[in-house]
């Protein structure tokens, strides 16, 4: 009888499907603590690689993504500087604001990239920075309690906001579009026209959401400076932008946001990274945001992959995990640190704590493995295998000869772990 029972147990075990490490159930806080310890230790060294000393046009120490990149970029440095604020070093955010502010021209245009030789207009044209300047100023002042440094800068910040109104605001809907698709930073996002021969223009979910944050930040700054009328006016404009996004871009049947073709006024039905940016600012009503996350973010047919959340729906015809940086980085499937950081804020805002923990374990695990294997990190990871992608070869080295990979906004993964373990969230909220 004992032999028969033993045989049944063996046979039963053979029928249970094997589970890969990426699919293992969460091991709870112990695993998160180990992961946080490894990442916190590794990031101490990597933070040194993103800081550059002043040079030429750039008069203050500034932040670079490291490795392949050496310029001061708009949103890379914005997210990195917020990470540095969380580490008690807010000065890099102030430096970022001051450097981009000195590049503002008479029209209010400011380039999205700064170098020691001055503003850099890339992609064959005026490449305006993304709507983050007032938000950066706000987050620095909120962290330090110092608002007066912004009084002389306030007119320049206002001019940048007005430039965007004049050049990127749709006169009918009040929503925003990118002047060129590459300006969005999500280089080959299929929800945009990223090829030169594609002349379409879209009312963009991400552009409108980022501008919503910018208007709210400028309103908060105005309020702190005692500019009551300005503050009320800007807040009303922000509220109207939010209403328009929910009226024009929200699809009731598909339960998600879509970009809208400006000529045909028809939705461009692609689900990817930019679809979820409004949730970072809590622009969607609670129940609608929950439904969108459940239907798309948490679906294995769309964004949920074995190794984190994808940058494009698996069901999209263009879905791939190609290993590219040049001529543009690949946002058509791979796991990005910045996507998952932005996703984590949306998941937190709409009440999905277990999913934030899952994200931290998966994506944080990829970064921790990178630290163990290479002593640095990659820009993207294969969503279905976890394989590190770009950069595929490490030709950049630190002065002492160590491999120098991609650091940048990957640093924000430490903040996600700190939120889960210490309730020390970096949600980038903007108070009214």
Protein backbone atom coordinates (compact mmCIF):
# COMPACT_ATOMS: atom_id res chain seq x y z
CA UNK A 1 0.00 0.00 0.00
CA UNK A 2 2.84 2.43 0.90
CA UNK A 3 4.43 1.79 -2.51
CA UNK A 4 1.13 2.55 -4.25
CA UNK A 5 0.65 5.83 -2.31
CA UNK A 6 4.23 6.87 -3.07
CA UNK A 7 3.70 6.16 -6.76
CA UNK A 8 0.50 8.24 -6.78
CA UNK A 9 2.34 11.18 -5.16
CA UNK A 10 5.15 10.96 -7.73
CA UNK A 11 2.69 10.76 -10.63
CA UNK A 12 0.72 13.74 -9.26
CA UNK A 13 3.84 15.84 -8.99
CA UNK A 14 4.61 15.18 -12.64
CA UNK A 15 1.22 16.59 -13.60
CA UNK A 16 1.83 19.93 -11.84
CA UNK A 17 3.21 22.45 -14.35
CA UNK A 18 6.62 23.91 -13.57
CA UNK A 19 6.76 27.59 -12.61
CA UNK A 20 9.56 29.83 -13.81
CA UNK A 21 11.25 32.17 -11.32
CA UNK A 22 9.56 35.13 -13.02
CA UNK A 23 6.16 33.60 -12.31
CA UNK A 24 6.79 32.66 -8.68
CA UNK A 25 4.29 34.10 -6.20
CA UNK A 26 5.46 37.08 -4.17
CA UNK A 27 7.58 36.10 -1.18
CA UNK A 28 6.38 39.16 0.70
CA UNK A 29 8.25 41.83 2.58
CA UNK A 30 11.37 39.72 3.12
CA UNK A 31 12.02 39.58 -0.60
CA UNK A 32 11.23 43.29 -1.00
CA UNK A 33 13.64 44.15 1.80
CA UNK A 34 16.43 42.12 0.18
CA UNK A 35 15.70 43.71 -3.17
CA UNK A 36 15.66 47.19 -1.67
CA UNK A 37 18.98 46.58 0.12
CA UNK A 38 20.65 45.45 -3.11
CA UNK A 39 19.30 48.33 -5.15
CA UNK A 40 20.01 50.97 -2.50
CA UNK A 41 23.60 49.72 -2.23
CA UNK A 42 24.14 49.68 -5.99
CA UNK A 43 22.47 53.03 -6.61
CA UNK A 44 24.82 54.82 -4.19
CA UNK A 45 27.62 54.22 -6.65
CA UNK A 46 25.57 54.75 -9.80
CA UNK A 47 24.30 58.15 -8.60
CA UNK A 48 27.87 59.41 -8.88
CA UNK A 49 27.86 58.56 -12.61
CA UNK A 50 24.93 60.82 -13.46
CA UNK A 51 26.40 64.01 -11.95
CA UNK A 52 28.50 66.27 -14.18
CA UNK A 53 30.35 69.42 -13.24
CA UNK A 54 29.44 72.80 -14.82
CA UNK A 55 30.80 73.39 -18.30
CA UNK A 56 30.31 76.27 -20.73
CA UNK A 57 26.64 77.20 -21.07
CA UNK A 58 25.70 74.98 -18.13
CA UNK A 59 26.71 76.90 -15.02
CA UNK A 60 25.65 74.41 -12.35
CA UNK A 61 26.30 70.73 -11.60
CA UNK A 62 23.80 68.77 -13.69
CA UNK A 63 22.40 65.29 -14.26
CA UNK A 64 22.91 63.04 -17.27
CA UNK A 65 21.58 59.53 -18.01
CA UNK A 66 25.22 58.23 -18.13
CA UNK A 67 26.67 55.75 -20.61
CA UNK A 68 25.51 56.49 -24.14
CA UNK A 69 24.23 59.95 -23.12
CA UNK A 70 26.14 63.01 -21.93
CA UNK A 71 23.63 65.85 -22.43
CA UNK A 72 21.22 67.46 -19.98
CA UNK A 73 17.80 66.22 -21.12
CA UNK A 74 14.43 67.56 -20.05
CA UNK A 75 12.49 64.67 -18.56
CA UNK A 76 15.39 62.34 -17.78
CA UNK A 77 16.86 64.95 -15.46
CA UNK A 78 13.43 65.93 -14.08
CA UNK A 79 12.81 62.40 -12.81
CA UNK A 80 16.39 61.95 -11.64
CA UNK A 81 16.31 65.27 -9.80
CA UNK A 82 13.15 64.20 -7.96
CA UNK A 83 14.99 61.05 -6.92
CA UNK A 84 17.85 63.22 -5.65
CA UNK A 85 15.33 65.31 -3.70
CA UNK A 86 14.25 62.10 -1.97
CA UNK A 87 17.90 61.56 -1.02
CA UNK A 88 18.24 64.98 0.57
CA UNK A 89 19.99 66.60 -2.40
CA UNK A 90 17.40 68.98 -3.87
CA UNK A 91 19.94 71.34 -5.42
CA UNK A 92 20.04 69.34 -8.67
CA UNK A 93 16.41 70.18 -9.34
CA UNK A 94 17.05 73.88 -8.78
CA UNK A 95 20.07 73.65 -11.10
CA UNK A 96 17.92 71.95 -13.74
CA UNK A 97 15.29 74.70 -13.58
CA UNK A 98 17.88 77.48 -13.75
CA UNK A 99 19.73 75.90 -16.68
CA UNK A 100 16.63 75.40 -18.82
CA UNK A 101 15.35 78.84 -17.82
CA UNK A 102 18.46 80.52 -19.20
CA UNK A 103 17.70 78.85 -22.54
CA UNK A 104 14.26 80.49 -22.88
CA UNK A 105 14.10 82.75 -25.95
CA UNK A 106 12.01 85.88 -26.53
CA UNK A 107 9.01 83.79 -27.65
CA UNK A 108 9.05 81.48 -24.65
CA UNK A 109 10.57 78.57 -26.55
CA UNK A 110 13.12 76.44 -24.72
CA UNK A 111 14.88 73.42 -26.22
CA UNK A 112 14.50 69.99 -24.66
CA UNK A 113 18.24 69.37 -24.53
CA UNK A 114 21.10 71.45 -23.13
CA UNK A 115 24.82 71.05 -23.71
CA UNK A 116 27.97 72.92 -22.71
CA UNK A 117 27.68 74.70 -26.09
CA UNK A 118 24.12 75.83 -25.40
CA UNK A 119 20.58 74.64 -26.27
CA UNK A 120 20.54 71.77 -28.74
CA UNK A 121 17.79 71.64 -31.34
CA UNK A 122 17.62 68.00 -32.32
CA UNK A 123 15.54 66.10 -34.88
CA UNK A 124 15.83 68.73 -37.61
CA UNK A 125 13.82 71.48 -36.02
CA UNK A 126 12.72 73.28 -32.90
CA UNK A 127 12.56 70.59 -30.29
CA UNK A 128 10.72 72.18 -27.36
CA UNK A 129 11.16 70.74 -23.90
CA UNK A 130 8.33 68.72 -22.39
CA UNK A 131 5.94 70.40 -19.91
CA UNK A 132 7.96 69.89 -16.73
CA UNK A 133 9.68 73.20 -15.98
CA UNK A 134 7.12 74.60 -13.55
CA UNK A 135 6.68 71.16 -12.02
CA UNK A 136 10.40 70.93 -11.33
CA UNK A 137 10.38 74.40 -9.77
CA UNK A 138 7.40 73.41 -7.63
CA UNK A 139 8.91 70.14 -6.38
CA UNK A 140 12.16 71.84 -5.39
CA UNK A 141 10.36 74.59 -3.50
CA UNK A 142 7.98 72.14 -1.85
CA UNK A 143 10.95 70.10 -0.63
CA UNK A 144 12.95 73.06 0.67
CA UNK A 145 10.24 75.54 1.67
CA UNK A 146 11.99 78.18 -0.45
CA UNK A 147 9.58 79.90 -2.83
CA UNK A 148 11.09 83.37 -3.10
CA UNK A 149 13.81 82.29 -5.53
CA UNK A 150 10.98 81.81 -8.02
CA UNK A 151 9.67 85.37 -7.85
CA UNK A 152 12.09 86.76 -10.49
CA UNK A 153 11.73 83.54 -12.53
CA UNK A 154 7.93 83.47 -12.52
CA UNK A 155 7.44 85.63 -15.69
CA UNK A 156 9.82 83.38 -17.64
CA UNK A 157 7.99 80.24 -16.50
CA UNK A 158 4.73 81.87 -17.50
CA UNK A 159 6.15 82.72 -20.93
CA UNK A 160 7.06 79.06 -21.51
CA UNK A 161 3.52 77.99 -20.62
CA UNK A 162 2.10 80.60 -22.98
CA UNK A 163 4.42 79.50 -25.80
CA UNK A 164 2.98 76.02 -25.46
CA UNK A 165 -0.55 77.43 -25.54
CA UNK A 166 0.24 79.24 -28.79
CA UNK A 167 2.04 76.38 -30.54
CA UNK A 168 0.73 73.09 -29.14
CA UNK A 169 -2.83 73.77 -27.97
CA UNK A 170 -5.79 72.74 -30.13
CA UNK A 171 -8.12 75.71 -30.54
CA UNK A 172 -11.27 73.57 -30.60
CA UNK A 173 -10.79 71.15 -27.72
CA UNK A 174 -8.15 72.95 -25.66
CA UNK A 175 -6.12 69.74 -25.61
CA UNK A 176 -2.42 69.58 -26.45
CA UNK A 177 -0.39 67.93 -29.20
CA UNK A 178 3.32 67.44 -29.82
CA UNK A 179 4.80 69.67 -32.52
CA UNK A 180 6.83 66.65 -33.64
CA UNK A 181 6.32 63.12 -32.33
CA UNK A 182 9.91 62.74 -31.14
CA UNK A 183 9.30 65.64 -28.76
CA UNK A 184 7.20 63.29 -26.63
CA UNK A 185 10.29 61.35 -25.53
CA UNK A 186 8.56 58.01 -26.25
CA UNK A 187 10.53 57.86 -29.46
CA UNK A 188 8.71 55.32 -31.65
CA UNK A 189 5.39 55.24 -29.81
CA UNK A 190 2.93 53.79 -32.38
CA UNK A 191 0.21 56.08 -31.02
CA UNK A 192 2.05 58.95 -32.72
CA UNK A 193 3.41 59.86 -36.15
CA UNK A 194 7.10 59.27 -35.53
CA UNK A 195 8.16 58.91 -39.17
CA UNK A 196 8.88 62.09 -41.14
CA UNK A 197 6.55 61.17 -44.01
CA UNK A 198 3.63 60.74 -41.62
CA UNK A 199 2.18 64.24 -41.37
CA UNK A 200 -0.75 63.45 -39.07
CA UNK A 201 -1.14 65.35 -35.83
CA UNK A 202 -2.85 64.03 -32.71
CA UNK A 203 -4.49 65.43 -29.62
CA UNK A 204 -2.24 63.57 -27.23
CA UNK A 205 -3.13 62.02 -23.93
CA UNK A 206 0.40 62.35 -22.53
CA UNK A 207 1.01 65.89 -23.79
CA UNK A 208 -2.28 67.04 -22.28
CA UNK A 209 -1.63 65.27 -18.97
CA UNK A 210 1.88 66.68 -18.60
CA UNK A 211 0.55 70.16 -19.38
CA UNK A 212 -2.18 69.66 -16.79
CA UNK A 213 0.56 69.03 -14.24
CA UNK A 214 2.41 72.10 -15.44
CA UNK A 215 -0.62 74.35 -15.06
CA UNK A 216 -1.32 73.00 -11.58
CA UNK A 217 2.30 73.55 -10.56
CA UNK A 218 2.33 77.11 -11.90
CA UNK A 219 -0.93 77.79 -10.06
CA UNK A 220 0.57 76.49 -6.82
CA UNK A 221 3.67 78.65 -7.31
CA UNK A 222 1.53 81.72 -8.00
CA UNK A 223 -0.44 81.05 -4.82
CA UNK A 224 2.75 80.77 -2.75
CA UNK A 225 4.00 84.05 -4.22
CA UNK A 226 0.75 85.82 -3.30
CA UNK A 227 -0.48 86.08 -6.91
CA UNK A 228 -4.02 85.06 -6.05
CA UNK A 229 -5.72 86.02 -9.31
CA UNK A 230 -3.05 84.28 -11.36
CA UNK A 231 -3.35 81.16 -9.24
CA UNK A 232 -7.12 80.97 -9.65
CA UNK A 233 -6.91 81.57 -13.39
CA UNK A 234 -4.31 78.83 -13.89
CA UNK A 235 -6.21 76.35 -11.74
CA UNK A 236 -9.39 76.96 -13.74
CA UNK A 237 -7.43 76.37 -16.93
CA UNK A 238 -6.08 73.11 -15.52
CA UNK A 239 -9.56 71.98 -14.50
CA UNK A 240 -10.90 72.75 -17.98
CA UNK A 241 -8.06 70.76 -19.56
CA UNK A 242 -8.88 67.78 -17.35
CA UNK A 243 -12.57 67.99 -18.30
CA UNK A 244 -11.72 68.17 -21.98
CA UNK A 245 -9.42 65.14 -21.79
CA UNK A 246 -12.17 63.09 -20.18
CA UNK A 247 -14.74 64.34 -22.68
CA UNK A 248 -12.72 64.00 -25.90
CA UNK A 249 -10.12 61.28 -25.36
CA UNK A 250 -12.00 58.85 -23.11
CA UNK A 251 -13.66 56.00 -25.00
CA UNK A 252 -16.71 54.75 -23.08
CA UNK A 253 -16.90 51.43 -24.91
CA UNK A 254 -13.21 50.53 -24.74
CA UNK A 255 -12.82 52.11 -21.28
CA UNK A 256 -9.53 53.88 -21.97
CA UNK A 257 -7.95 57.06 -23.31
CA UNK A 258 -7.02 57.31 -26.99
CA UNK A 259 -5.12 59.94 -28.92
CA UNK A 260 -7.37 61.77 -31.38
CA UNK A 261 -6.52 62.53 -35.00
CA UNK A 262 -6.72 66.32 -35.28
CA UNK A 263 -7.98 66.25 -38.85
CA UNK A 264 -10.57 63.47 -38.73
CA UNK A 265 -11.30 63.83 -34.98
CA UNK A 266 -11.37 60.03 -34.79
CA UNK A 267 -9.69 58.02 -32.00
CA UNK A 268 -6.38 56.36 -32.86
CA UNK A 269 -6.84 53.06 -31.07
CA UNK A 270 -3.43 52.09 -29.71
CA UNK A 271 -2.81 50.99 -26.11
CA UNK A 272 0.60 51.71 -24.66
CA UNK A 273 2.66 53.73 -22.24
CA UNK A 274 1.11 57.12 -23.03
CA UNK A 275 -2.43 55.77 -22.47
CA UNK A 276 -1.81 55.71 -18.73
CA UNK A 277 -0.04 59.04 -18.12
CA UNK A 278 -3.29 60.78 -16.96
CA UNK A 279 -3.47 58.34 -14.03
CA UNK A 280 -0.20 59.77 -12.76
CA UNK A 281 -2.11 63.03 -12.18
CA UNK A 282 -5.38 61.35 -11.11
CA UNK A 283 -7.20 62.86 -14.09
CA UNK A 284 -9.52 59.89 -14.58
CA UNK A 285 -12.49 59.45 -12.23
CA UNK A 286 -11.76 56.69 -9.72
CA UNK A 287 -13.98 53.96 -11.19
CA UNK A 288 -12.94 54.67 -14.78
CA UNK A 289 -9.27 54.58 -13.84
CA UNK A 290 -9.76 51.26 -12.07
CA UNK A 291 -11.53 49.75 -15.06
CA UNK A 292 -8.82 50.88 -17.48
CA UNK A 293 -6.08 49.42 -15.29
CA UNK A 294 -7.91 46.12 -14.86
CA UNK A 295 -8.78 45.78 -18.54
CA UNK A 296 -5.39 46.73 -20.01
CA UNK A 297 -2.56 47.18 -17.50
CA UNK A 298 -3.28 43.96 -15.61
CA UNK A 299 -4.10 41.90 -18.69
CA UNK A 300 -1.45 39.50 -20.02
CA UNK A 301 -2.84 40.17 -23.50
CA UNK A 302 -1.95 43.81 -23.15
CA UNK A 303 0.64 45.23 -20.73
CA UNK A 304 1.31 42.63 -18.05
CA UNK A 305 4.33 40.50 -18.98
CA UNK A 306 6.36 37.92 -17.06
CA UNK A 307 9.02 40.53 -16.26
CA UNK A 308 7.07 43.73 -15.69
CA UNK A 309 4.64 45.92 -17.55
CA UNK A 310 5.19 46.42 -21.27
CA UNK A 311 5.50 49.77 -23.02
CA UNK A 312 3.01 48.66 -25.71
CA UNK A 313 0.12 46.22 -25.70
CA UNK A 314 1.05 42.67 -26.66
CA UNK A 315 -2.06 42.72 -28.88
CA UNK A 316 -0.78 45.66 -30.92
CA UNK A 317 0.34 44.80 -34.46
CA UNK A 318 3.63 46.62 -33.84
CA UNK A 319 4.49 44.86 -30.58
CA UNK A 320 8.14 43.80 -30.44
CA UNK A 321 11.15 43.65 -28.15
CA UNK A 322 13.85 44.80 -30.54
CA UNK A 323 17.16 45.86 -29.09
CA UNK A 324 17.60 49.38 -30.44
CA UNK A 325 18.63 52.85 -29.34
CA UNK A 326 19.57 54.46 -32.66
CA UNK A 327 17.86 56.10 -34.54
CA UNK A 328 15.42 56.05 -31.62
CA UNK A 329 14.85 53.98 -28.52
CA UNK A 330 12.23 51.24 -28.63
CA UNK A 331 8.94 51.95 -26.82
CA UNK A 332 7.04 49.23 -28.71
CA UNK A 333 7.08 46.50 -26.09
CA UNK A 334 10.19 46.37 -23.89
CA UNK A 335 10.03 47.00 -20.17
CA UNK A 336 11.22 50.51 -19.33
CA UNK A 337 12.09 51.69 -15.84
CA UNK A 338 10.38 55.04 -16.43
CA UNK A 339 7.18 53.47 -17.79
CA UNK A 340 6.95 51.22 -14.77
CA UNK A 341 7.65 54.08 -12.37
CA UNK A 342 4.82 56.12 -13.95
CA UNK A 343 2.60 53.01 -13.93
CA UNK A 344 3.36 52.50 -10.24
CA UNK A 345 2.02 55.96 -9.42
CA UNK A 346 -1.19 55.26 -11.33
CA UNK A 347 -1.62 51.88 -9.67
CA UNK A 348 -1.05 53.45 -6.27
CA UNK A 349 -3.46 56.32 -6.97
CA UNK A 350 -6.26 53.97 -8.03
CA UNK A 351 -5.91 51.41 -5.25
CA UNK A 352 -3.79 48.50 -6.54
CA UNK A 353 -1.12 48.00 -3.83
CA UNK A 354 -0.51 44.32 -4.62
CA UNK A 355 0.16 45.17 -8.26
CA UNK A 356 2.66 47.88 -7.25
CA UNK A 357 4.45 45.25 -5.17
CA UNK A 358 4.44 42.86 -8.12
CA UNK A 359 5.87 45.58 -10.37
CA UNK A 360 8.63 46.39 -7.86
CA UNK A 361 9.64 42.74 -7.56
CA UNK A 362 9.71 42.13 -11.30
CA UNK A 363 11.33 45.32 -12.59
CA UNK A 364 13.42 45.88 -9.48
CA UNK A 365 14.57 42.28 -9.86
CA UNK A 366 15.76 42.97 -13.41
CA UNK A 367 17.76 45.95 -12.19
CA UNK A 368 19.20 44.05 -9.22
CA UNK A 369 20.32 41.25 -11.56
CA UNK A 370 21.92 43.89 -13.78
CA UNK A 371 23.82 45.21 -10.78
CA UNK A 372 25.02 41.70 -9.96
CA UNK A 373 25.96 40.82 -13.54
CA UNK A 374 27.35 44.13 -14.80
CA UNK A 375 27.56 46.62 -11.95
CA UNK A 376 25.24 48.90 -13.93
CA UNK A 377 21.85 48.82 -15.69
CA UNK A 378 20.22 48.82 -19.11
CA UNK A 379 17.74 51.20 -20.69
CA UNK A 380 15.25 48.47 -21.62
CA UNK A 381 14.52 44.80 -20.93
CA UNK A 382 12.76 42.12 -22.95
CA UNK A 383 9.25 41.96 -21.51
CA UNK A 384 8.80 38.23 -22.13
CA UNK A 385 12.26 36.86 -21.28
CA UNK A 386 13.80 39.48 -18.97
CA UNK A 387 16.86 39.71 -21.23
CA UNK A 388 18.63 43.08 -20.87
CA UNK A 389 18.43 44.98 -24.15
CA UNK A 390 19.85 48.41 -24.96
CA UNK A 391 22.71 49.17 -24.65
CA UNK A 392 23.77 45.81 -26.06
CA UNK A 393 27.48 46.49 -25.71
CA UNK A 394 29.14 48.53 -23.00
CA UNK A 395 31.70 50.69 -24.77
CA UNK A 396 31.50 53.48 -22.20
CA UNK A 397 33.67 53.30 -19.08
CA UNK A 398 34.11 55.22 -15.86
CA UNK A 399 37.49 56.93 -15.29
CA UNK A 400 38.61 53.90 -13.28
CA UNK A 401 37.65 51.52 -16.10
CA UNK A 402 34.33 50.11 -14.90
CA UNK A 403 31.41 49.48 -17.26
CA UNK A 404 29.11 52.48 -17.59
CA UNK A 405 25.59 51.62 -18.68
CA UNK A 406 22.24 53.40 -18.47
CA UNK A 407 21.30 54.88 -15.10
CA UNK A 408 18.93 57.84 -15.50
CA UNK A 409 15.36 57.46 -14.29
CA UNK A 410 15.95 53.81 -13.37
CA UNK A 411 16.92 55.36 -10.04
CA UNK A 412 13.21 55.91 -9.36
CA UNK A 413 12.74 52.19 -8.75
CA UNK A 414 14.35 52.72 -5.35
CA UNK A 415 11.56 55.18 -4.59
CA UNK A 416 8.90 52.60 -5.46
CA UNK A 417 10.49 50.15 -3.01
CA UNK A 418 10.74 52.85 -0.33
CA UNK A 419 7.06 53.57 -0.81
CA UNK A 420 6.13 49.94 -0.29
CA UNK A 421 8.45 49.31 2.65
CA UNK A 422 8.58 52.67 4.43
CA UNK A 423 5.49 54.47 3.13
CA UNK A 424 7.94 57.00 1.69
CA UNK A 425 6.30 57.49 -1.68
CA UNK A 426 7.51 59.75 -4.47
CA UNK A 427 4.17 60.34 -6.20
CA UNK A 428 4.94 63.82 -7.56
CA UNK A 429 1.66 65.21 -6.24
CA UNK A 430 0.88 68.88 -6.79
CA UNK A 431 -1.22 70.47 -4.07
CA UNK A 432 -3.91 72.95 -5.05
